[in-house]
Protein backbone atom coordinates (compact mmCIF):
# COMPACT_ATOMS: atom_id res chain seq x y z
CA MET A 1 0.00 0.00 0.00
CA ALA A 2 1.41 3.41 -0.90
CA LEU A 3 2.20 5.94 1.78
CA LYS A 4 -0.93 8.03 2.22
CA THR A 5 -0.97 11.72 1.66
CA ALA A 6 -0.88 13.90 4.76
CA GLN A 7 -4.53 14.82 4.25
CA GLU A 8 -5.57 11.15 4.18
CA THR A 9 -3.45 10.31 7.19
CA LEU A 10 -4.92 13.13 9.24
CA ARG A 11 -8.58 12.41 8.52
CA VAL A 12 -8.83 9.73 11.21
CA PRO A 13 -7.24 10.72 14.53
CA ARG A 14 -4.99 8.13 16.10
CA GLN A 15 -6.66 6.38 19.03
CA ARG A 16 -4.64 6.46 22.23
CA SER A 17 -5.08 4.92 25.62
CA ARG A 18 -5.52 7.26 28.58
CA PRO A 19 -2.13 8.82 29.46
CA ASP A 20 -0.55 7.78 32.73
CA LYS A 21 -0.19 10.23 35.63
CA ALA A 22 3.36 11.26 34.71
CA THR A 23 2.36 11.94 31.10
CA ARG A 24 -0.68 14.01 32.13
CA LYS A 25 1.54 16.08 34.42
CA ARG A 26 4.06 16.65 31.62
CA LEU A 27 1.34 17.71 29.19
CA ARG A 28 0.08 20.30 31.69
CA ARG A 29 3.60 21.77 31.83
CA ARG A 30 3.93 22.27 28.06
CA VAL A 31 5.18 25.70 27.02
CA GLN A 32 3.60 27.63 24.14
CA VAL A 33 6.24 29.06 21.79
CA ALA A 34 5.71 30.21 18.20
CA GLY A 35 2.33 28.49 18.19
CA LEU A 36 3.89 25.18 19.25
CA SER A 37 3.47 23.21 22.47
CA ILE A 38 6.98 22.40 23.71
CA ASP A 39 7.84 19.93 26.47
CA PRO A 40 10.22 21.74 28.86
CA MET A 41 12.64 18.85 29.31
CA THR A 42 16.37 18.29 29.44
CA GLU A 43 18.08 15.70 27.25
CA GLY A 44 18.38 13.37 30.23
CA GLU A 45 14.67 13.69 30.98
CA VAL A 46 13.82 12.87 27.36
CA VAL A 47 15.96 9.71 27.51
CA ASP A 48 14.36 8.68 30.82
CA HIS A 49 10.86 9.25 29.40
CA VAL A 50 11.50 7.19 26.27
CA ILE A 51 13.13 4.31 28.15
CA ALA A 52 10.33 4.24 30.74
CA ALA A 53 7.77 4.02 27.92
CA LEU A 54 9.73 1.24 26.19
CA LYS A 55 9.80 -0.72 29.45
CA ARG A 56 5.98 -0.48 29.55
CA GLY A 57 5.80 -1.69 25.95
CA GLU A 58 4.63 1.70 24.69
CA GLY A 59 5.88 3.40 21.54
CA GLY A 60 5.90 7.06 20.62
CA HIS A 61 6.89 9.83 18.25
CA LEU A 62 9.50 12.43 19.16
CA VAL A 63 9.73 15.72 17.24
CA THR A 64 12.56 18.23 17.72
CA PRO A 65 11.36 21.52 16.18
CA ASN A 66 13.91 24.18 15.31
CA VAL A 67 13.35 27.59 13.73
CA ASP A 68 12.90 26.06 10.28
CA ILE A 69 10.19 23.71 11.55
CA GLY A 70 8.63 26.58 13.51
CA TRP A 71 8.49 28.64 10.31
CA ALA A 72 6.87 25.74 8.45
CA ALA A 73 4.33 25.22 11.23
CA ALA A 74 3.43 28.91 11.25
CA ARG A 75 2.57 28.75 7.54
CA ASP A 76 1.19 25.23 7.17
CA PRO A 77 -1.64 23.88 9.37
CA GLU A 78 -0.75 20.31 8.38
CA ALA A 79 2.81 20.76 9.65
CA ARG A 80 1.45 22.17 12.90
CA ARG A 81 -0.92 19.21 13.32
CA ILE A 82 1.97 16.80 12.84
CA ILE A 83 3.83 18.43 15.73
CA GLU A 84 0.72 18.61 17.90
CA GLY A 85 0.17 14.88 17.39
CA ALA A 86 3.65 13.90 18.58
CA ASP A 87 4.14 12.31 22.00
CA LEU A 88 7.20 14.41 22.82
CA VAL A 89 8.13 17.82 21.40
CA VAL A 90 11.44 19.33 22.49
CA ALA A 91 13.16 22.51 21.30
CA ASP A 92 16.01 21.96 18.86
CA GLY A 93 16.77 25.63 18.28
CA MET A 94 18.13 28.32 20.58
CA PRO A 95 15.68 30.99 19.32
CA LEU A 96 12.84 28.83 20.67
CA VAL A 97 14.63 28.59 24.02
CA TRP A 98 15.23 32.36 24.09
CA ALA A 99 11.62 33.06 23.09
CA ALA A 100 10.30 30.88 25.91
CA LYS A 101 12.50 32.74 28.40
CA LEU A 102 11.25 36.12 27.15
CA LEU A 103 7.69 34.90 27.67
CA GLY A 104 8.47 33.96 31.27
CA THR A 105 7.99 30.23 30.63
CA PRO A 106 11.57 29.02 30.32
CA ILE A 107 12.66 25.81 28.64
CA PRO A 108 15.54 24.22 30.58
CA ALA A 109 17.72 23.39 27.58
CA ARG A 110 17.99 22.94 23.86
CA VAL A 111 17.58 19.24 23.01
CA THR A 112 18.79 18.28 19.53
CA GLY A 113 18.30 15.20 17.43
CA ALA A 114 22.05 15.23 16.81
CA ASP A 115 22.63 14.76 20.56
CA LEU A 116 19.72 12.40 21.19
CA ILE A 117 20.97 9.89 18.63
CA TRP A 118 23.97 9.36 20.93
CA SER A 119 22.27 9.48 24.33
CA LEU A 120 19.31 7.35 23.31
CA SER A 121 21.66 4.85 21.65
CA GLU A 122 23.67 4.66 24.88
CA ALA A 123 20.50 3.85 26.82
CA ALA A 124 19.38 1.38 24.13
CA ALA A 125 22.74 -0.40 24.41
CA PHE A 126 22.33 -0.71 28.17
CA TYR A 127 18.80 -2.11 27.98
CA ARG A 128 19.47 -4.15 24.83
CA TYR A 129 16.81 -2.39 22.77
CA PRO A 130 17.61 -2.73 19.04
CA ILE A 131 17.74 0.47 17.00
CA TYR A 132 17.22 1.22 13.30
CA LEU A 133 18.69 4.07 11.23
CA LEU A 134 16.51 5.26 8.37
CA GLY A 135 17.67 8.09 6.11
CA ALA A 136 20.76 9.98 4.92
CA PRO A 137 22.61 9.31 1.61
CA PRO A 138 23.58 5.74 0.66
CA GLY A 139 26.16 4.24 3.00
CA VAL A 140 25.94 7.03 5.57
CA ALA A 141 23.52 5.21 7.90
CA ARG A 142 25.83 2.15 7.94
CA GLN A 143 28.75 4.42 8.76
CA ALA A 144 26.74 6.02 11.56
CA ALA A 145 25.86 2.57 12.89
CA GLY A 146 29.55 1.70 13.00
CA ARG A 147 30.42 4.81 14.97
CA LEU A 148 27.51 4.37 17.38
CA THR A 149 28.37 0.74 18.11
CA GLY A 150 32.03 1.69 18.48
CA CYS A 151 31.10 4.25 21.11
CA HIS A 152 28.46 2.12 22.81
CA PRO A 153 29.52 -1.56 22.86
CA GLY A 154 26.53 -3.86 23.05
CA LEU A 155 24.33 -1.60 20.95
CA ILE A 156 22.15 -3.70 18.65
CA VAL A 157 21.62 -2.13 15.23
CA ALA A 158 18.71 -4.05 13.74
CA GLY A 159 19.13 -2.42 10.35
CA THR A 160 19.91 0.66 8.27
CA ASP A 161 18.28 2.02 5.14
CA ALA A 162 18.79 4.94 2.75
CA PRO A 163 15.55 5.21 0.76
CA PRO A 164 15.94 6.78 -2.69
CA TYR A 165 14.49 10.21 -3.37
CA GLY A 166 10.76 9.99 -4.02
CA PHE A 167 10.35 6.49 -2.59
CA GLU A 168 7.15 7.50 -0.83
CA VAL A 169 5.21 8.37 -3.98
CA THR A 170 4.95 4.77 -5.20
CA SER A 171 3.40 1.78 -3.48
CA GLU A 172 6.48 -0.34 -4.29
CA GLY A 173 8.91 2.22 -2.85
CA TYR A 174 6.97 2.67 0.35
CA ALA A 175 6.35 -1.07 0.80
CA LYS A 176 10.06 -1.79 0.50
CA VAL A 177 10.93 0.69 3.24
CA ARG A 178 8.07 -0.40 5.46
CA ASP A 179 8.75 -4.13 5.10
CA ALA A 180 12.43 -3.68 5.96
CA VAL A 181 11.67 -1.77 9.15
CA VAL A 182 8.90 -4.13 10.28
CA ALA A 183 11.06 -7.20 9.61
CA ALA A 184 13.90 -5.73 11.68
CA ALA A 185 11.52 -5.24 14.66
CA PRO A 186 13.48 -2.38 16.29
CA ARG A 187 12.39 -0.68 19.49
CA LEU A 188 13.94 2.67 18.57
CA VAL A 189 14.04 4.14 15.07
CA PHE A 190 15.88 7.29 14.02
CA VAL A 191 14.30 8.73 10.87
CA GLY A 192 16.42 11.34 9.12
CA LEU A 193 14.45 12.38 6.05
CA GLY A 194 13.67 15.98 6.95
CA PHE A 195 10.48 17.52 8.30
CA PRO A 196 7.63 16.85 7.54
CA LYS A 197 8.48 13.93 5.24
CA GLN A 198 10.06 11.87 8.02
CA ASP A 199 7.13 12.50 10.34
CA ARG A 200 4.51 11.50 7.76
CA LEU A 201 6.39 8.23 7.33
CA ILE A 202 6.57 7.78 11.10
CA ALA A 203 2.79 8.15 11.37
CA GLU A 204 2.39 5.22 8.98
CA LEU A 205 5.11 3.01 10.47
CA ARG A 206 3.69 3.38 13.98
CA LYS A 207 0.62 1.42 12.90
CA ASP A 208 2.82 -1.62 12.35
CA LEU A 209 5.18 -1.05 15.29
CA PRO A 210 3.08 0.39 18.15
CA ALA A 211 5.68 -0.53 20.80
CA THR A 212 8.50 1.30 18.99
CA TRP A 213 9.73 4.85 19.54
CA PHE A 214 10.41 6.92 16.44
CA VAL A 215 12.67 9.97 16.48
CA GLY A 216 12.42 12.46 13.61
CA CYS A 217 16.05 13.51 13.61
CA GLY A 218 16.80 15.40 10.39
CA SER A 219 20.56 15.44 9.76
CA ALA A 220 21.45 13.57 12.96
CA ILE A 221 22.39 10.36 11.12
CA ALA A 222 24.79 12.26 8.86
CA PHE A 223 26.27 14.02 11.89
CA ALA A 224 26.71 10.71 13.73
CA ALA A 225 28.45 9.24 10.70
CA GLY A 226 30.82 12.18 10.46
CA ALA A 227 29.61 12.82 6.91
CA VAL A 228 28.54 16.34 7.93
CA ARG A 229 30.50 18.39 10.45
CA ARG A 230 28.79 19.85 13.49
CA ALA A 231 29.52 23.32 14.72
CA PRO A 232 31.95 23.74 17.62
CA LEU A 233 30.33 23.53 21.04
CA TRP A 234 30.67 27.25 21.69
CA MET A 235 28.74 28.06 18.51
CA ARG A 236 25.97 25.63 19.46
CA ARG A 237 25.64 27.19 22.89
CA ALA A 238 25.61 30.70 21.39
CA GLY A 239 22.85 29.81 18.94
CA LEU A 240 25.18 30.08 15.95
CA GLU A 241 25.08 26.51 14.65
CA TRP A 242 22.97 27.75 11.74
CA LEU A 243 25.80 30.11 10.72
CA PHE A 244 28.35 27.30 10.78
CA ARG A 245 26.15 25.14 8.58
CA LEU A 246 25.43 28.03 6.23
CA LEU A 247 29.14 28.69 5.74
CA ASN A 248 29.75 25.01 5.04
CA GLU A 249 26.72 24.41 2.77
CA PRO A 250 25.77 27.82 1.30
CA GLY A 251 24.29 26.46 -1.90
CA ARG A 252 21.84 24.20 -0.09
CA LEU A 253 21.02 26.32 2.94
CA ALA A 254 21.30 30.01 1.95
CA ARG A 255 17.73 30.40 0.77
CA ARG A 256 16.25 28.52 3.71
CA TYR A 257 18.28 30.27 6.38
CA LEU A 258 18.43 33.81 5.02
CA LEU A 259 14.97 34.17 3.46
CA HIS A 260 12.92 32.05 5.87
CA ASP A 261 14.56 31.11 9.16
CA LEU A 262 16.48 34.27 10.11
CA PRO A 263 13.54 36.66 9.48
CA PHE A 264 11.20 34.28 11.34
CA ALA A 265 13.58 34.06 14.33
CA LEU A 266 13.91 37.87 14.48
CA TRP A 267 10.14 38.29 14.24
CA LEU A 268 9.56 35.66 16.93
CA LEU A 269 12.02 37.19 19.40
CA THR A 270 10.76 40.72 18.77
CA ALA A 271 7.15 39.64 19.26
CA CYS A 272 8.02 37.84 22.50
CA LEU A 273 9.97 40.84 23.78
CA PHE A 274 7.06 43.22 23.11
CA ARG A 275 4.66 40.80 24.75
CA ARG A 276 6.93 40.64 27.80
CA LEU A 277 7.27 44.42 28.01
CA PHE A 278 3.66 45.40 27.44
CA SER A 279 1.60 42.54 28.84
């Protein structure tokens, strides 16, 4: 069966069991930033939450919105619904962290997919939960798997896959990806296909693997493989990782960063500042 369009997928809401007490408490604490509901959690708290759910046999969907995803959600109701339907939403973008602070509802830390692929893999190695890497150019996911297992001995990599561009538009292409993931039976899947494509795929795969956690992680697989360089730590902490990536990949990222993300971030921070000053 071909991957459904977003409109078809969203017609029937996913049925969920009643959240447990800890989940209900976390949902009440969500912070509203740029029209998104963000879970104010540290990286360690995210790992603990995912592992606790896996122990109960419960799967989930983790989204890490940055400024680019925030811009998309502000313009596209479908993108916003995808984020709203996720089980965990954590801020992968310093402007979102700064905006939350300006609003008086601080988020404790930036939590990135590029970091979570390491910390969640470490936890998966300890508890013997098999992982799956889906995305990135050919060969990159296998390289990432090698580096992850080298860093975390005992990590079980159930499989890797690099779907070709446009795989999701044909029933054969989608079935091949789906069958490979289902056959591998992982408990934790990192999907690096870019938002919202990766998250549409996750919505479909969850129907077959309800006890599996899926992490929409963008470029995290390429970062883990060393195929794409990450910014130095000081640039990440200063909110300048976007500048490092722009300087390294100007042809691919200039339009996105300079025409969309930077103006959106400036608008967001200005709006939050005015709201703080005059509310």
